[in-house]
Amino acid sequence: MLFRSVPLGAWVKARSAWVGVVLRTALYAFGVFVVLLLEKAFEGRHEYDGFGASLIAVFQHADVKHVWLNTVCLSAALLSYNMLSVIRKHLGKGALLRMFLTPLPDDVR
């Protein structure tokens, strides 16, 4: 619910829904990357004698691969959430849930 409460502006609102989905996902992915990077640096600050040295060490060691992998996985989840939010907005409240709880018709092609 918090994700939909962040306004992106009139320019995005006037565009197709995919523009908002891509922009929101990119912004949130960047935020996830920054938070994960800061978390890794905070965890290693005692080992590397300070936060700055720990932040540099994250990029010099294999930890950065974990940061990137977590960022990609969480970004995919955020992309799915943003896409489902657009679908939910078009179908109406509860319609998406009803669609997945009812059996498919026999003549689906």
N, C-alpha and C. Protein backbone atom coordinates (compact mmCIF):
# COMPACT_ATOMS: atom_id res chain seq x y z
N MET A 1 0.81 -1.19 0.00
CA MET A 1 0.00 0.00 0.00
C MET A 1 0.86 1.27 0.00
N LEU A 2 2.00 1.20 0.65
CA LEU A 2 2.89 2.35 0.71
C LEU A 2 3.41 2.72 -0.67
N PHE A 3 3.64 1.69 -1.50
CA PHE A 3 4.21 1.94 -2.82
C PHE A 3 3.30 2.81 -3.69
N ARG A 4 2.01 2.58 -3.59
CA ARG A 4 1.07 3.34 -4.42
C ARG A 4 0.85 4.76 -3.90
N SER A 5 1.27 5.03 -2.67
CA SER A 5 1.04 6.37 -2.11
C SER A 5 2.14 7.36 -2.48
N VAL A 6 3.19 6.90 -3.15
CA VAL A 6 4.27 7.80 -3.58
C VAL A 6 3.91 8.35 -4.96
N PRO A 7 3.59 9.65 -5.06
CA PRO A 7 3.23 10.22 -6.36
C PRO A 7 4.46 10.39 -7.25
N LEU A 8 4.29 10.12 -8.52
CA LEU A 8 5.39 10.26 -9.47
C LEU A 8 5.28 11.52 -10.33
N GLY A 9 4.18 12.21 -10.27
CA GLY A 9 4.03 13.46 -11.01
C GLY A 9 3.06 13.35 -12.16
N ALA A 10 2.74 14.51 -12.70
CA ALA A 10 1.75 14.60 -13.77
C ALA A 10 2.26 13.98 -15.07
N TRP A 11 3.57 14.08 -15.33
CA TRP A 11 4.13 13.55 -16.57
C TRP A 11 3.91 12.04 -16.64
N VAL A 12 4.19 11.34 -15.54
CA VAL A 12 4.02 9.88 -15.52
C VAL A 12 2.55 9.51 -15.55
N LYS A 13 1.73 10.28 -14.88
CA LYS A 13 0.29 10.00 -14.84
C LYS A 13 -0.35 10.11 -16.23
N ALA A 14 0.21 10.96 -17.08
CA ALA A 14 -0.34 11.15 -18.42
C ALA A 14 0.15 10.08 -19.40
N ARG A 15 1.09 9.25 -19.00
CA ARG A 15 1.65 8.21 -19.87
C ARG A 15 0.93 6.88 -19.67
N SER A 16 1.34 5.91 -20.47
CA SER A 16 0.81 4.55 -20.34
C SER A 16 1.19 3.98 -18.98
N ALA A 17 0.45 2.97 -18.56
CA ALA A 17 0.67 2.38 -17.24
C ALA A 17 2.05 1.75 -17.11
N TRP A 18 2.60 1.23 -18.21
CA TRP A 18 3.90 0.57 -18.13
C TRP A 18 5.00 1.55 -17.76
N VAL A 19 4.86 2.82 -18.11
CA VAL A 19 5.88 3.82 -17.76
C VAL A 19 5.95 3.97 -16.25
N GLY A 20 4.81 4.05 -15.60
CA GLY A 20 4.79 4.14 -14.15
C GLY A 20 5.34 2.90 -13.49
N VAL A 21 5.00 1.73 -14.05
CA VAL A 21 5.50 0.47 -13.49
C VAL A 21 7.02 0.41 -13.59
N VAL A 22 7.56 0.74 -14.75
CA VAL A 22 9.01 0.69 -14.94
C VAL A 22 9.71 1.73 -14.06
N LEU A 23 9.17 2.93 -14.01
CA LEU A 23 9.79 3.98 -13.21
C LEU A 23 9.75 3.65 -11.72
N ARG A 24 8.61 3.21 -11.23
CA ARG A 24 8.51 2.82 -9.81
C ARG A 24 9.47 1.68 -9.49
N THR A 25 9.51 0.68 -10.36
CA THR A 25 10.39 -0.46 -10.13
C THR A 25 11.85 -0.03 -10.13
N ALA A 26 12.24 0.84 -11.04
CA ALA A 26 13.62 1.32 -11.08
C ALA A 26 13.97 2.12 -9.83
N LEU A 27 13.07 2.98 -9.41
CA LEU A 27 13.33 3.76 -8.20
C LEU A 27 13.44 2.87 -6.96
N TYR A 28 12.53 1.93 -6.84
CA TYR A 28 12.56 1.03 -5.69
C TYR A 28 13.77 0.11 -5.74
N ALA A 29 14.16 -0.34 -6.94
CA ALA A 29 15.34 -1.19 -7.07
C ALA A 29 16.59 -0.43 -6.65
N PHE A 30 16.68 0.83 -7.02
CA PHE A 30 17.82 1.64 -6.59
C PHE A 30 17.83 1.78 -5.07
N GLY A 31 16.67 1.98 -4.49
CA GLY A 31 16.57 2.08 -3.03
C GLY A 31 16.97 0.78 -2.35
N VAL A 32 16.54 -0.34 -2.91
CA VAL A 32 16.92 -1.65 -2.36
C VAL A 32 18.43 -1.83 -2.43
N PHE A 33 19.03 -1.47 -3.56
CA PHE A 33 20.48 -1.59 -3.72
C PHE A 33 21.23 -0.75 -2.68
N VAL A 34 20.80 0.47 -2.50
CA VAL A 34 21.46 1.35 -1.53
C VAL A 34 21.33 0.80 -0.11
N VAL A 35 20.14 0.35 0.25
CA VAL A 35 19.93 -0.17 1.60
C VAL A 35 20.76 -1.44 1.83
N LEU A 36 20.78 -2.34 0.86
CA LEU A 36 21.57 -3.56 1.00
C LEU A 36 23.07 -3.26 1.08
N LEU A 37 23.50 -2.30 0.30
CA LEU A 37 24.91 -1.89 0.32
C LEU A 37 25.28 -1.30 1.68
N LEU A 38 24.43 -0.43 2.19
CA LEU A 38 24.68 0.16 3.50
C LEU A 38 24.63 -0.90 4.60
N GLU A 39 23.74 -1.86 4.46
CA GLU A 39 23.66 -2.94 5.46
C GLU A 39 24.95 -3.75 5.50
N LYS A 40 25.47 -4.13 4.32
CA LYS A 40 26.72 -4.89 4.27
C LYS A 40 27.88 -4.07 4.84
N ALA A 41 27.91 -2.79 4.53
CA ALA A 41 28.98 -1.93 5.05
C ALA A 41 28.86 -1.77 6.56
N PHE A 42 27.65 -1.67 7.05
CA PHE A 42 27.43 -1.53 8.50
C PHE A 42 27.85 -2.80 9.23
N GLU A 43 27.56 -3.96 8.63
CA GLU A 43 27.94 -5.23 9.24
C GLU A 43 29.45 -5.38 9.36
N GLY A 44 30.20 -4.89 8.38
CA GLY A 44 31.65 -5.08 8.37
C GLY A 44 32.45 -3.92 8.90
N ARG A 45 31.82 -2.93 9.51
CA ARG A 45 32.55 -1.74 9.94
C ARG A 45 33.60 -2.03 10.99
N HIS A 46 33.39 -3.04 11.86
CA HIS A 46 34.38 -3.37 12.88
C HIS A 46 35.55 -4.15 12.27
N GLU A 47 35.25 -4.96 11.29
CA GLU A 47 36.29 -5.76 10.65
C GLU A 47 37.25 -4.90 9.83
N TYR A 48 36.73 -3.82 9.24
CA TYR A 48 37.55 -2.97 8.36
C TYR A 48 37.87 -1.61 8.97
N ASP A 49 37.70 -1.45 10.26
CA ASP A 49 38.05 -0.21 10.98
C ASP A 49 37.33 1.02 10.46
N GLY A 50 36.05 0.92 10.27
CA GLY A 50 35.26 2.08 9.88
C GLY A 50 34.26 1.78 8.79
N PHE A 51 33.30 2.66 8.70
CA PHE A 51 32.21 2.47 7.74
C PHE A 51 32.69 2.66 6.30
N GLY A 52 33.48 3.70 6.05
CA GLY A 52 33.96 3.97 4.69
C GLY A 52 34.81 2.85 4.15
N ALA A 53 35.73 2.36 4.97
CA ALA A 53 36.58 1.24 4.54
C ALA A 53 35.76 -0.02 4.32
N SER A 54 34.75 -0.21 5.15
CA SER A 54 33.88 -1.36 4.99
C SER A 54 33.07 -1.27 3.71
N LEU A 55 32.61 -0.07 3.36
CA LEU A 55 31.86 0.13 2.12
C LEU A 55 32.73 -0.17 0.90
N ILE A 56 33.96 0.26 0.94
CA ILE A 56 34.90 -0.03 -0.16
C ILE A 56 35.16 -1.53 -0.23
N ALA A 57 35.28 -2.18 0.91
CA ALA A 57 35.56 -3.61 0.94
C ALA A 57 34.40 -4.42 0.37
N VAL A 58 33.19 -3.92 0.49
CA VAL A 58 32.04 -4.63 -0.09
C VAL A 58 32.23 -4.78 -1.59
N PHE A 59 32.74 -3.74 -2.25
CA PHE A 59 32.95 -3.78 -3.70
C PHE A 59 34.17 -4.60 -4.09
N GLN A 60 35.13 -4.73 -3.19
CA GLN A 60 36.36 -5.45 -3.51
C GLN A 60 36.28 -6.94 -3.23
N HIS A 61 35.26 -7.38 -2.53
CA HIS A 61 35.12 -8.78 -2.18
C HIS A 61 33.86 -9.36 -2.79
N ALA A 62 33.60 -10.60 -2.50
CA ALA A 62 32.46 -11.31 -3.09
C ALA A 62 31.12 -10.82 -2.54
N ASP A 63 31.13 -9.98 -1.50
CA ASP A 63 29.88 -9.49 -0.93
C ASP A 63 29.04 -8.71 -1.93
N VAL A 64 29.69 -8.05 -2.87
CA VAL A 64 28.93 -7.26 -3.84
C VAL A 64 28.06 -8.15 -4.72
N LYS A 65 28.48 -9.40 -4.92
CA LYS A 65 27.66 -10.34 -5.70
C LYS A 65 26.36 -10.65 -4.96
N HIS A 66 26.44 -10.77 -3.64
CA HIS A 66 25.23 -11.00 -2.86
C HIS A 66 24.31 -9.78 -2.90
N VAL A 67 24.89 -8.61 -2.87
CA VAL A 67 24.10 -7.38 -2.95
C VAL A 67 23.36 -7.32 -4.28
N TRP A 68 24.09 -7.62 -5.38
CA TRP A 68 23.47 -7.58 -6.70
C TRP A 68 22.39 -8.64 -6.84
N LEU A 69 22.67 -9.85 -6.35
CA LEU A 69 21.69 -10.93 -6.46
C LEU A 69 20.42 -10.60 -5.68
N ASN A 70 20.58 -10.12 -4.46
CA ASN A 70 19.42 -9.72 -3.66
C ASN A 70 18.66 -8.58 -4.31
N THR A 71 19.38 -7.64 -4.90
CA THR A 71 18.74 -6.51 -5.58
C THR A 71 17.91 -7.00 -6.77
N VAL A 72 18.47 -7.90 -7.55
CA VAL A 72 17.75 -8.42 -8.72
C VAL A 72 16.50 -9.18 -8.29
N CYS A 73 16.63 -10.03 -7.27
CA CYS A 73 15.47 -10.82 -6.81
C CYS A 73 14.38 -9.92 -6.23
N LEU A 74 14.77 -8.97 -5.41
CA LEU A 74 13.78 -8.06 -4.83
C LEU A 74 13.17 -7.14 -5.89
N SER A 75 13.95 -6.76 -6.88
CA SER A 75 13.42 -5.93 -7.97
C SER A 75 12.39 -6.69 -8.79
N ALA A 76 12.63 -7.98 -9.00
CA ALA A 76 11.65 -8.81 -9.71
C ALA A 76 10.35 -8.90 -8.92
N ALA A 77 10.47 -9.03 -7.61
CA ALA A 77 9.27 -9.06 -6.77
C ALA A 77 8.54 -7.73 -6.81
N LEU A 78 9.28 -6.63 -6.79
CA LEU A 78 8.66 -5.31 -6.87
C LEU A 78 8.02 -5.07 -8.23
N LEU A 79 8.65 -5.56 -9.29
CA LEU A 79 8.06 -5.45 -10.63
C LEU A 79 6.73 -6.21 -10.68
N SER A 80 6.71 -7.41 -10.13
CA SER A 80 5.47 -8.19 -10.08
C SER A 80 4.39 -7.46 -9.30
N TYR A 81 4.77 -6.90 -8.15
CA TYR A 81 3.81 -6.16 -7.33
C TYR A 81 3.26 -4.96 -8.10
N ASN A 82 4.14 -4.20 -8.75
CA ASN A 82 3.69 -3.02 -9.49
C ASN A 82 2.79 -3.40 -10.66
N MET A 83 3.10 -4.50 -11.34
CA MET A 83 2.25 -4.96 -12.44
C MET A 83 0.89 -5.40 -11.93
N LEU A 84 0.87 -6.14 -10.83
CA LEU A 84 -0.40 -6.59 -10.26
C LEU A 84 -1.22 -5.41 -9.74
N SER A 85 -0.56 -4.37 -9.27
CA SER A 85 -1.28 -3.17 -8.82
C SER A 85 -2.02 -2.50 -9.98
N VAL A 86 -1.38 -2.46 -11.14
CA VAL A 86 -2.03 -1.87 -12.32
C VAL A 86 -3.21 -2.75 -12.75
N ILE A 87 -3.02 -4.06 -12.75
CA ILE A 87 -4.10 -4.97 -13.13
C ILE A 87 -5.26 -4.84 -12.14
N ARG A 88 -4.94 -4.78 -10.86
CA ARG A 88 -5.97 -4.64 -9.82
C ARG A 88 -6.74 -3.34 -10.00
N LYS A 89 -6.04 -2.28 -10.36
CA LYS A 89 -6.70 -0.99 -10.55
C LYS A 89 -7.68 -1.04 -11.72
N HIS A 90 -7.32 -1.76 -12.78
CA HIS A 90 -8.19 -1.87 -13.95
C HIS A 90 -9.38 -2.79 -13.70
N LEU A 91 -9.16 -3.87 -12.96
CA LEU A 91 -10.24 -4.85 -12.74
C LEU A 91 -11.17 -4.46 -11.60
N GLY A 92 -10.67 -3.71 -10.66
CA GLY A 92 -11.48 -3.35 -9.49
C GLY A 92 -11.07 -4.16 -8.27
N LYS A 93 -11.51 -3.68 -7.12
CA LYS A 93 -11.13 -4.32 -5.87
C LYS A 93 -11.71 -5.72 -5.76
N GLY A 94 -10.85 -6.69 -5.47
CA GLY A 94 -11.27 -8.07 -5.27
C GLY A 94 -11.40 -8.89 -6.54
N ALA A 95 -11.37 -8.27 -7.70
CA ALA A 95 -11.56 -9.01 -8.96
C ALA A 95 -10.37 -9.92 -9.26
N LEU A 96 -9.19 -9.47 -8.96
CA LEU A 96 -8.00 -10.28 -9.22
C LEU A 96 -8.01 -11.54 -8.36
N LEU A 97 -8.38 -11.40 -7.11
CA LEU A 97 -8.47 -12.56 -6.23
C LEU A 97 -9.56 -13.52 -6.70
N ARG A 98 -10.71 -12.98 -7.06
CA ARG A 98 -11.80 -13.84 -7.57
C ARG A 98 -11.38 -14.58 -8.84
N MET A 99 -10.60 -13.91 -9.68
CA MET A 99 -10.16 -14.52 -10.93
C MET A 99 -9.27 -15.74 -10.66
N PHE A 100 -8.44 -15.68 -9.64
CA PHE A 100 -7.57 -16.80 -9.33
C PHE A 100 -8.25 -17.87 -8.48
N LEU A 101 -9.36 -17.55 -7.87
CA LEU A 101 -10.06 -18.53 -7.04
C LEU A 101 -11.14 -19.29 -7.77
N THR A 102 -11.49 -18.87 -8.99
CA THR A 102 -12.50 -19.58 -9.77
C THR A 102 -11.81 -20.44 -10.82
N PRO A 103 -12.41 -21.57 -11.18
CA PRO A 103 -11.81 -22.44 -12.19
C PRO A 103 -11.87 -21.77 -13.58
N LEU A 104 -10.93 -22.16 -14.42
CA LEU A 104 -10.92 -21.64 -15.78
C LEU A 104 -12.07 -22.24 -16.57
N PRO A 105 -12.63 -21.47 -17.49
CA PRO A 105 -13.67 -22.04 -18.37
C PRO A 105 -13.05 -23.07 -19.30
N ASP A 106 -13.87 -24.00 -19.78
CA ASP A 106 -13.38 -25.10 -20.63
C ASP A 106 -12.94 -24.63 -22.01
N ASP A 107 -13.50 -23.55 -22.53
CA ASP A 107 -13.22 -23.13 -23.89
C ASP A 107 -12.10 -22.08 -23.99
N VAL A 108 -11.17 -22.07 -23.05
CA VAL A 108 -10.05 -21.12 -23.11
C VAL A 108 -9.08 -21.56 -24.19
N ARG A 109 -8.74 -20.63 -25.06
CA ARG A 109 -7.84 -20.97 -26.18
C ARG A 109 -6.63 -20.13 -26.16
